[in-house]
Amino acid sequence: MWALIAGILNDGTLTFIAAEGMVKQLPLPKIVYI
């Protein structure tokens, strides 16, 4: 369960950064990346 907690929070900080190409090029709702 801690791996789940830490994974969501650590990956959460990179949500939009890691999806830079898609964020800039596709008109998707931002909540998709969360």
PDB file of all heavy atoms in Angstrom:
ATOM      1  N   MET A   1       0.815  -1.209   0.000  1.00  0.00           N
ATOM      2  CA  MET A   1       0.000   0.000   0.000  1.00  0.00           C
ATOM      3  C   MET A   1       0.855   1.268   0.000  1.00  0.00           C
ATOM      4  O   MET A   1       0.489   2.269  -0.609  1.00  0.00           O
ATOM      5  CB  MET A   1      -0.950   0.001   1.213  1.00  0.00           C
ATOM      6  CG  MET A   1      -2.047  -1.057   1.155  1.00  0.00           C
ATOM      7  SD  MET A   1      -3.152  -0.837  -0.274  1.00  0.00           S
ATOM      8  CE  MET A   1      -2.575  -2.137  -1.359  1.00  0.00           C
ATOM      9  N   TRP A   2       2.003   1.221   0.653  1.00  0.00           N
ATOM     10  CA  TRP A   2       2.886   2.398   0.634  1.00  0.00           C
ATOM     11  C   TRP A   2       3.458   2.620  -0.765  1.00  0.00           C
ATOM     12  O   TRP A   2       3.618   3.769  -1.200  1.00  0.00           O
ATOM     13  CB  TRP A   2       4.018   2.265   1.644  1.00  0.00           C
ATOM     14  CG  TRP A   2       4.891   3.493   1.652  1.00  0.00           C
ATOM     15  CD1 TRP A   2       6.069   3.689   0.988  1.00  0.00           C
ATOM     16  CD2 TRP A   2       4.611   4.719   2.331  1.00  0.00           C
ATOM     17  NE1 TRP A   2       6.545   4.955   1.209  1.00  0.00           N
ATOM     18  CE2 TRP A   2       5.673   5.605   2.029  1.00  0.00           C
ATOM     19  CE3 TRP A   2       3.580   5.149   3.162  1.00  0.00           C
ATOM     20  CZ2 TRP A   2       5.725   6.917   2.541  1.00  0.00           C
ATOM     21  CZ3 TRP A   2       3.630   6.449   3.665  1.00  0.00           C
ATOM     22  CH2 TRP A   2       4.689   7.310   3.355  1.00  0.00           C
ATOM     23  N   ALA A   3       3.753   1.545  -1.465  1.00  0.00           N
ATOM     24  CA  ALA A   3       4.237   1.686  -2.842  1.00  0.00           C
ATOM     25  C   ALA A   3       3.196   2.390  -3.704  1.00  0.00           C
ATOM     26  O   ALA A   3       3.534   3.191  -4.583  1.00  0.00           O
ATOM     27  CB  ALA A   3       4.567   0.308  -3.425  1.00  0.00           C
ATOM     28  N   LEU A   4       1.920   2.094  -3.452  1.00  0.00           N
ATOM     29  CA  LEU A   4       0.851   2.761  -4.179  1.00  0.00           C
ATOM     30  C   LEU A   4       0.814   4.247  -3.827  1.00  0.00           C
ATOM     31  O   LEU A   4       0.710   5.109  -4.717  1.00  0.00           O
ATOM     32  CB  LEU A   4      -0.496   2.109  -3.844  1.00  0.00           C
ATOM     33  CG  LEU A   4      -1.748   2.756  -4.442  1.00  0.00           C
ATOM     34  CD1 LEU A   4      -1.717   2.702  -5.963  1.00  0.00           C
ATOM     35  CD2 LEU A   4      -3.007   2.075  -3.908  1.00  0.00           C
ATOM     36  N   ILE A   5       0.905   4.552  -2.547  1.00  0.00           N
ATOM     37  CA  ILE A   5       0.884   5.950  -2.088  1.00  0.00           C
ATOM     38  C   ILE A   5       2.056   6.730  -2.669  1.00  0.00           C
ATOM     39  O   ILE A   5       1.884   7.797  -3.276  1.00  0.00           O
ATOM     40  CB  ILE A   5       0.916   6.009  -0.552  1.00  0.00           C
ATOM     41  CG1 ILE A   5      -0.387   5.469   0.036  1.00  0.00           C
ATOM     42  CG2 ILE A   5       1.166   7.438  -0.060  1.00  0.00           C
ATOM     43  CD1 ILE A   5      -0.377   5.304   1.550  1.00  0.00           C
ATOM     44  N   ALA A   6       3.265   6.205  -2.484  1.00  0.00           N
ATOM     45  CA  ALA A   6       4.462   6.897  -2.955  1.00  0.00           C
ATOM     46  C   ALA A   6       4.485   6.997  -4.479  1.00  0.00           C
ATOM     47  O   ALA A   6       4.925   8.004  -5.043  1.00  0.00           O
ATOM     48  CB  ALA A   6       5.719   6.183  -2.454  1.00  0.00           C
ATOM     49  N   GLY A   7       4.017   5.951  -5.153  1.00  0.00           N
ATOM     50  CA  GLY A   7       4.009   5.964  -6.612  1.00  0.00           C
ATOM     51  C   GLY A   7       3.107   7.055  -7.166  1.00  0.00           C
ATOM     52  O   GLY A   7       3.503   7.783  -8.090  1.00  0.00           O
ATOM     53  N   ILE A   8       1.912   7.185  -6.620  1.00  0.00           N
ATOM     54  CA  ILE A   8       0.986   8.216  -7.100  1.00  0.00           C
ATOM     55  C   ILE A   8       1.546   9.608  -6.851  1.00  0.00           C
ATOM     56  O   ILE A   8       1.484  10.489  -7.729  1.00  0.00           O
ATOM     57  CB  ILE A   8      -0.390   8.065  -6.426  1.00  0.00           C
ATOM     58  CG1 ILE A   8      -1.088   6.792  -6.930  1.00  0.00           C
ATOM     59  CG2 ILE A   8      -1.265   9.287  -6.703  1.00  0.00           C
ATOM     60  CD1 ILE A   8      -2.413   6.507  -6.253  1.00  0.00           C
ATOM     61  N   LEU A   9       2.127   9.839  -5.680  1.00  0.00           N
ATOM     62  CA  LEU A   9       2.620  11.168  -5.357  1.00  0.00           C
ATOM     63  C   LEU A   9       3.897  11.504  -6.118  1.00  0.00           C
ATOM     64  O   LEU A   9       4.046  12.628  -6.632  1.00  0.00           O
ATOM     65  CB  LEU A   9       2.854  11.287  -3.843  1.00  0.00           C
ATOM     66  CG  LEU A   9       1.597  11.170  -2.981  1.00  0.00           C
ATOM     67  CD1 LEU A   9       1.926  11.374  -1.516  1.00  0.00           C
ATOM     68  CD2 LEU A   9       0.529  12.166  -3.426  1.00  0.00           C
ATOM     69  N   ASN A  10       4.838  10.570  -6.217  1.00  0.00           N
ATOM     70  CA  ASN A  10       6.060  10.828  -6.975  1.00  0.00           C
ATOM     71  C   ASN A  10       5.768  11.024  -8.455  1.00  0.00           C
ATOM     72  O   ASN A  10       6.249  11.977  -9.079  1.00  0.00           O
ATOM     73  CB  ASN A  10       7.054   9.679  -6.787  1.00  0.00           C
ATOM     74  CG  ASN A  10       7.912   9.843  -5.548  1.00  0.00           C
ATOM     75  OD1 ASN A  10       8.328  10.950  -5.205  1.00  0.00           O
ATOM     76  ND2 ASN A  10       8.188   8.749  -4.860  1.00  0.00           N
ATOM     77  N   ASP A  11       4.984  10.129  -9.021  1.00  0.00           N
ATOM     78  CA  ASP A  11       4.631  10.263 -10.435  1.00  0.00           C
ATOM     79  C   ASP A  11       3.752  11.481 -10.665  1.00  0.00           C
ATOM     80  O   ASP A  11       3.778  12.093 -11.740  1.00  0.00           O
ATOM     81  CB  ASP A  11       3.907   9.006 -10.926  1.00  0.00           C
ATOM     82  CG  ASP A  11       4.818   7.801 -11.035  1.00  0.00           C
ATOM     83  OD1 ASP A  11       6.036   7.959 -10.823  1.00  0.00           O
ATOM     84  OD2 ASP A  11       4.316   6.701 -11.334  1.00  0.00           O
ATOM     85  N   GLY A  12       2.965  11.821  -9.643  1.00  0.00           N
ATOM     86  CA  GLY A  12       2.084  12.978  -9.769  1.00  0.00           C
ATOM     87  C   GLY A  12       2.838  14.264 -10.013  1.00  0.00           C
ATOM     88  O   GLY A  12       2.381  15.126 -10.773  1.00  0.00           O
ATOM     89  N   THR A  13       4.006  14.408  -9.404  1.00  0.00           N
ATOM     90  CA  THR A  13       4.790  15.631  -9.604  1.00  0.00           C
ATOM     91  C   THR A  13       5.260  15.769 -11.051  1.00  0.00           C
ATOM     92  O   THR A  13       5.517  16.874 -11.520  1.00  0.00           O
ATOM     93  CB  THR A  13       6.025  15.654  -8.681  1.00  0.00           C
ATOM     94  OG1 THR A  13       6.884  14.541  -8.996  1.00  0.00           O
ATOM     95  CG2 THR A  13       5.627  15.572  -7.220  1.00  0.00           C
ATOM     96  N   LEU A  14       5.361  14.650 -11.764  1.00  0.00           N
ATOM     97  CA  LEU A  14       5.847  14.664 -13.147  1.00  0.00           C
ATOM     98  C   LEU A  14       4.724  14.517 -14.167  1.00  0.00           C
ATOM     99  O   LEU A  14       4.983  14.327 -15.356  1.00  0.00           O
ATOM    100  CB  LEU A  14       6.869  13.533 -13.339  1.00  0.00           C
ATOM    101  CG  LEU A  14       8.098  13.564 -12.433  1.00  0.00           C
ATOM    102  CD1 LEU A  14       8.915  12.286 -12.607  1.00  0.00           C
ATOM    103  CD2 LEU A  14       8.957  14.782 -12.731  1.00  0.00           C
ATOM    104  N   THR A  15       3.484  14.604 -13.709  1.00  0.00           N
ATOM    105  CA  THR A  15       2.334  14.339 -14.571  1.00  0.00           C
ATOM    106  C   THR A  15       2.387  15.117 -15.882  1.00  0.00           C
ATOM    107  O   THR A  15       2.316  14.534 -16.974  1.00  0.00           O
ATOM    108  CB  THR A  15       1.026  14.693 -13.836  1.00  0.00           C
ATOM    109  OG1 THR A  15       0.901  13.845 -12.695  1.00  0.00           O
ATOM    110  CG2 THR A  15      -0.169  14.483 -14.741  1.00  0.00           C
ATOM    111  N   PHE A  16       2.482  16.426 -15.809  1.00  0.00           N
ATOM    112  CA  PHE A  16       2.457  17.258 -17.011  1.00  0.00           C
ATOM    113  C   PHE A  16       3.837  17.382 -17.654  1.00  0.00           C
ATOM    114  O   PHE A  16       3.950  17.508 -18.871  1.00  0.00           O
ATOM    115  CB  PHE A  16       1.908  18.645 -16.681  1.00  0.00           C
ATOM    116  CG  PHE A  16       0.521  18.616 -16.106  1.00  0.00           C
ATOM    117  CD1 PHE A  16       0.241  19.200 -14.884  1.00  0.00           C
ATOM    118  CD2 PHE A  16      -0.508  17.983 -16.788  1.00  0.00           C
ATOM    119  CE1 PHE A  16      -1.039  19.166 -14.346  1.00  0.00           C
ATOM    120  CE2 PHE A  16      -1.797  17.940 -16.261  1.00  0.00           C
ATOM    121  CZ  PHE A  16      -2.061  18.534 -15.037  1.00  0.00           C
ATOM    122  N   ILE A  17       4.869  17.324 -16.836  1.00  0.00           N
ATOM    123  CA  ILE A  17       6.235  17.420 -17.355  1.00  0.00           C
ATOM    124  C   ILE A  17       6.533  16.238 -18.266  1.00  0.00           C
ATOM    125  O   ILE A  17       7.079  16.389 -19.367  1.00  0.00           O
ATOM    126  CB  ILE A  17       7.253  17.481 -16.197  1.00  0.00           C
ATOM    127  CG1 ILE A  17       7.001  18.714 -15.333  1.00  0.00           C
ATOM    128  CG2 ILE A  17       8.681  17.467 -16.724  1.00  0.00           C
ATOM    129  CD1 ILE A  17       7.814  18.761 -14.057  1.00  0.00           C
ATOM    130  N   ALA A  18       6.183  15.024 -17.811  1.00  0.00           N
ATOM    131  CA  ALA A  18       6.452  13.820 -18.598  1.00  0.00           C
ATOM    132  C   ALA A  18       5.595  13.760 -19.860  1.00  0.00           C
ATOM    133  O   ALA A  18       5.968  13.115 -20.834  1.00  0.00           O
ATOM    134  CB  ALA A  18       6.204  12.576 -17.746  1.00  0.00           C
ATOM    135  N   ALA A  19       4.448  14.437 -19.837  1.00  0.00           N
ATOM    136  CA  ALA A  19       3.548  14.422 -20.993  1.00  0.00           C
ATOM    137  C   ALA A  19       3.656  15.717 -21.800  1.00  0.00           C
ATOM    138  O   ALA A  19       2.697  16.129 -22.452  1.00  0.00           O
ATOM    139  CB  ALA A  19       2.115  14.217 -20.530  1.00  0.00           C
ATOM    140  N   GLU A  20       4.815  16.334 -21.773  1.00  0.00           N
ATOM    141  CA  GLU A  20       5.007  17.643 -22.409  1.00  0.00           C
ATOM    142  C   GLU A  20       4.520  17.674 -23.857  1.00  0.00           C
ATOM    143  O   GLU A  20       3.786  18.572 -24.272  1.00  0.00           O
ATOM    144  CB  GLU A  20       6.484  18.035 -22.359  1.00  0.00           C
ATOM    145  CG  GLU A  20       6.794  19.350 -23.065  1.00  0.00           C
ATOM    146  CD  GLU A  20       8.274  19.702 -23.035  1.00  0.00           C
ATOM    147  OE1 GLU A  20       9.044  18.960 -22.388  1.00  0.00           O
ATOM    148  OE2 GLU A  20       8.656  20.705 -23.669  1.00  0.00           O
ATOM    149  N   GLY A  21       4.933  16.676 -24.647  1.00  0.00           N
ATOM    150  CA  GLY A  21       4.563  16.653 -26.056  1.00  0.00           C
ATOM    151  C   GLY A  21       3.057  16.620 -26.260  1.00  0.00           C
ATOM    152  O   GLY A  21       2.507  17.359 -27.083  1.00  0.00           O
ATOM    153  N   MET A  22       2.379  15.766 -25.493  1.00  0.00           N
ATOM    154  CA  MET A  22       0.929  15.641 -25.625  1.00  0.00           C
ATOM    155  C   MET A  22       0.213  16.886 -25.128  1.00  0.00           C
ATOM    156  O   MET A  22      -0.782  17.323 -25.721  1.00  0.00           O
ATOM    157  CB  MET A  22       0.445  14.410 -24.857  1.00  0.00           C
ATOM    158  CG  MET A  22       0.967  13.089 -25.392  1.00  0.00           C
ATOM    159  SD  MET A  22       0.329  11.660 -24.478  1.00  0.00           S
ATOM    160  CE  MET A  22      -1.414  11.749 -24.919  1.00  0.00           C
ATOM    161  N   VAL A  23       0.711  17.470 -24.030  1.00  0.00           N
ATOM    162  CA  VAL A  23       0.084  18.665 -23.474  1.00  0.00           C
ATOM    163  C   VAL A  23       0.124  19.816 -24.475  1.00  0.00           C
ATOM    164  O   VAL A  23      -0.844  20.576 -24.627  1.00  0.00           O
ATOM    165  CB  VAL A  23       0.780  19.074 -22.147  1.00  0.00           C
ATOM    166  CG1 VAL A  23       0.295  20.450 -21.690  1.00  0.00           C
ATOM    167  CG2 VAL A  23       0.516  18.047 -21.065  1.00  0.00           C
ATOM    168  N   LYS A  24       1.247  19.924 -25.194  1.00  0.00           N
ATOM    169  CA  LYS A  24       1.408  21.027 -26.137  1.00  0.00           C
ATOM    170  C   LYS A  24       0.677  20.805 -27.456  1.00  0.00           C
ATOM    171  O   LYS A  24       0.257  21.755 -28.107  1.00  0.00           O
ATOM    172  CB  LYS A  24       2.900  21.254 -26.420  1.00  0.00           C
ATOM    173  CG  LYS A  24       3.670  21.860 -25.266  1.00  0.00           C
ATOM    174  CD  LYS A  24       5.118  22.092 -25.650  1.00  0.00           C
ATOM    175  CE  LYS A  24       5.874  22.802 -24.524  1.00  0.00           C
ATOM    176  NZ  LYS A  24       7.305  23.023 -24.880  1.00  0.00           N
ATOM    177  N   GLN A  25       0.516  19.541 -27.851  1.00  0.00           N
ATOM    178  CA  GLN A  25       0.004  19.273 -29.193  1.00  0.00           C
ATOM    179  C   GLN A  25      -1.449  18.813 -29.244  1.00  0.00           C
ATOM    180  O   GLN A  25      -2.119  18.991 -30.267  1.00  0.00           O
ATOM    181  CB  GLN A  25       0.887  18.220 -29.865  1.00  0.00           C
ATOM    182  CG  GLN A  25       2.331  18.669 -30.061  1.00  0.00           C
ATOM    183  CD  GLN A  25       3.201  17.576 -30.655  1.00  0.00           C
ATOM    184  OE1 GLN A  25       2.719  16.736 -31.401  1.00  0.00           O
ATOM    185  NE2 GLN A  25       4.479  17.580 -30.316  1.00  0.00           N
ATOM    186  N   LEU A  26      -1.934  18.190 -28.166  1.00  0.00           N
ATOM    187  CA  LEU A  26      -3.285  17.623 -28.198  1.00  0.00           C
ATOM    188  C   LEU A  26      -4.214  18.383 -27.253  1.00  0.00           C
ATOM    189  O   LEU A  26      -3.848  18.664 -26.108  1.00  0.00           O
ATOM    190  CB  LEU A  26      -3.243  16.146 -27.796  1.00  0.00           C
ATOM    191  CG  LEU A  26      -2.403  15.223 -28.696  1.00  0.00           C
ATOM    192  CD1 LEU A  26      -2.398  13.810 -28.131  1.00  0.00           C
ATOM    193  CD2 LEU A  26      -2.940  15.224 -30.119  1.00  0.00           C
ATOM    194  N   PRO A  27      -5.414  18.684 -27.703  1.00  0.00           N
ATOM    195  CA  PRO A  27      -6.377  19.421 -26.865  1.00  0.00           C
ATOM    196  C   PRO A  27      -7.142  18.498 -25.913  1.00  0.00           C
ATOM    197  O   PRO A  27      -8.377  18.494 -25.879  1.00  0.00           O
ATOM    198  CB  PRO A  27      -7.307  20.054 -27.902  1.00  0.00           C
ATOM    199  CG  PRO A  27      -7.334  19.054 -29.017  1.00  0.00           C
ATOM    200  CD  PRO A  27      -5.942  18.460 -29.071  1.00  0.00           C
ATOM    201  N   LEU A  28      -6.406  17.708 -25.153  1.00  0.00           N
ATOM    202  CA  LEU A  28      -7.039  16.790 -24.211  1.00  0.00           C
ATOM    203  C   LEU A  28      -7.293  17.490 -22.877  1.00  0.00           C
ATOM    204  O   LEU A  28      -6.507  18.353 -22.471  1.00  0.00           O
ATOM    205  CB  LEU A  28      -6.147  15.566 -23.971  1.00  0.00           C
ATOM    206  CG  LEU A  28      -5.919  14.621 -25.149  1.00  0.00           C
ATOM    207  CD1 LEU A  28      -4.906  13.549 -24.761  1.00  0.00           C
ATOM    208  CD2 LEU A  28      -7.227  13.986 -25.589  1.00  0.00           C
ATOM    209  N   PRO A  29      -8.353  17.118 -22.179  1.00  0.00           N
ATOM    210  CA  PRO A  29      -8.550  17.664 -20.823  1.00  0.00           C
ATOM    211  C   PRO A  29      -7.345  17.301 -19.951  1.00  0.00           C
ATOM    212  O   PRO A  29      -6.862  16.163 -19.983  1.00  0.00           O
ATOM    213  CB  PRO A  29      -9.818  16.957 -20.341  1.00  0.00           C
ATOM    214  CG  PRO A  29     -10.510  16.504 -21.589  1.00  0.00           C
ATOM    215  CD  PRO A  29      -9.426  16.194 -22.569  1.00  0.00           C
ATOM    216  N   LYS A  30      -6.864  18.242 -19.189  1.00  0.00           N
ATOM    217  CA  LYS A  30      -5.653  18.015 -18.382  1.00  0.00           C
ATOM    218  C   LYS A  30      -5.841  16.908 -17.348  1.00  0.00           C
ATOM    219  O   LYS A  30      -4.883  16.258 -16.936  1.00  0.00           O
ATOM    220  CB  LYS A  30      -5.244  19.317 -17.679  1.00  0.00           C
ATOM    221  CG  LYS A  30      -4.948  20.472 -18.618  1.00  0.00           C
ATOM    222  CD  LYS A  30      -3.777  20.176 -19.504  1.00  0.00           C
ATOM    223  CE  LYS A  30      -3.369  21.387 -20.337  1.00  0.00           C
ATOM    224  NZ  LYS A  30      -4.416  21.851 -21.270  1.00  0.00           N
ATOM    225  N   ILE A  31      -7.081  16.681 -16.950  1.00  0.00           N
ATOM    226  CA  ILE A  31      -7.340  15.655 -15.936  1.00  0.00           C
ATOM    227  C   ILE A  31      -7.010  14.264 -16.464  1.00  0.00           C
ATOM    228  O   ILE A  31      -6.793  13.322 -15.685  1.00  0.00           O
ATOM    229  CB  ILE A  31      -8.815  15.727 -15.464  1.00  0.00           C
ATOM    230  CG1 ILE A  31      -8.968  15.062 -14.084  1.00  0.00           C
ATOM    231  CG2 ILE A  31      -9.737  15.107 -16.471  1.00  0.00           C
ATOM    232  CD1 ILE A  31      -8.328  15.836 -12.975  1.00  0.00           C
ATOM    233  N   VAL A  32      -6.935  14.117 -17.782  1.00  0.00           N
ATOM    234  CA  VAL A  32      -6.558  12.839 -18.396  1.00  0.00           C
ATOM    235  C   VAL A  32      -5.213  12.359 -17.872  1.00  0.00           C
ATOM    236  O   VAL A  32      -5.023  11.157 -17.611  1.00  0.00           O
ATOM    237  CB  VAL A  32      -6.508  12.976 -19.936  1.00  0.00           C
ATOM    238  CG1 VAL A  32      -5.695  11.841 -20.565  1.00  0.00           C
ATOM    239  CG2 VAL A  32      -7.905  12.979 -20.522  1.00  0.00           C
ATOM    240  N   TYR A  33      -4.295  13.277 -17.691  1.00  0.00           N
ATOM    241  CA  TYR A  33      -2.937  12.892 -17.295  1.00  0.00           C
ATOM    242  C   TYR A  33      -2.866  12.452 -15.836  1.00  0.00           C
ATOM    243  O   TYR A  33      -2.028  11.620 -15.476  1.00  0.00           O
ATOM    244  CB  TYR A  33      -1.981  14.060 -17.574  1.00  0.00           C
ATOM    245  CG  TYR A  33      -2.043  14.514 -19.010  1.00  0.00           C
ATOM    246  CD1 TYR A  33      -2.669  15.709 -19.368  1.00  0.00           C
ATOM    247  CD2 TYR A  33      -1.525  13.707 -20.028  1.00  0.00           C
ATOM    248  CE1 TYR A  33      -2.749  16.112 -20.700  1.00  0.00           C
ATOM    249  CE2 TYR A  33      -1.602  14.102 -21.363  1.00  0.00           C
ATOM    250  CZ  TYR A  33      -2.227  15.299 -21.684  1.00  0.00           C
ATOM    251  OH  TYR A  33      -2.320  15.680 -23.007  1.00  0.00           O
ATOM    252  N   ILE A  34      -3.755  12.999 -15.000  1.00  0.00           N
ATOM    253  CA  ILE A  34      -3.834  12.533 -13.615  1.00  0.00           C
ATOM    254  C   ILE A  34      -4.422  11.129 -13.579  1.00  0.00           C
ATOM    255  O   ILE A  34      -3.944  10.245 -12.850  1.00  0.00           O
ATOM    256  CB  ILE A  34      -4.681  13.499 -12.764  1.00  0.00           C
ATOM    257  CG1 ILE A  34      -3.944  14.821 -12.565  1.00  0.00           C
ATOM    258  CG2 ILE A  34      -5.014  12.872 -11.405  1.00  0.00           C
ATOM    259  CD1 ILE A  34      -2.674  14.711 -11.742  1.00  0.00           C
TER     260      ILE A  34
END
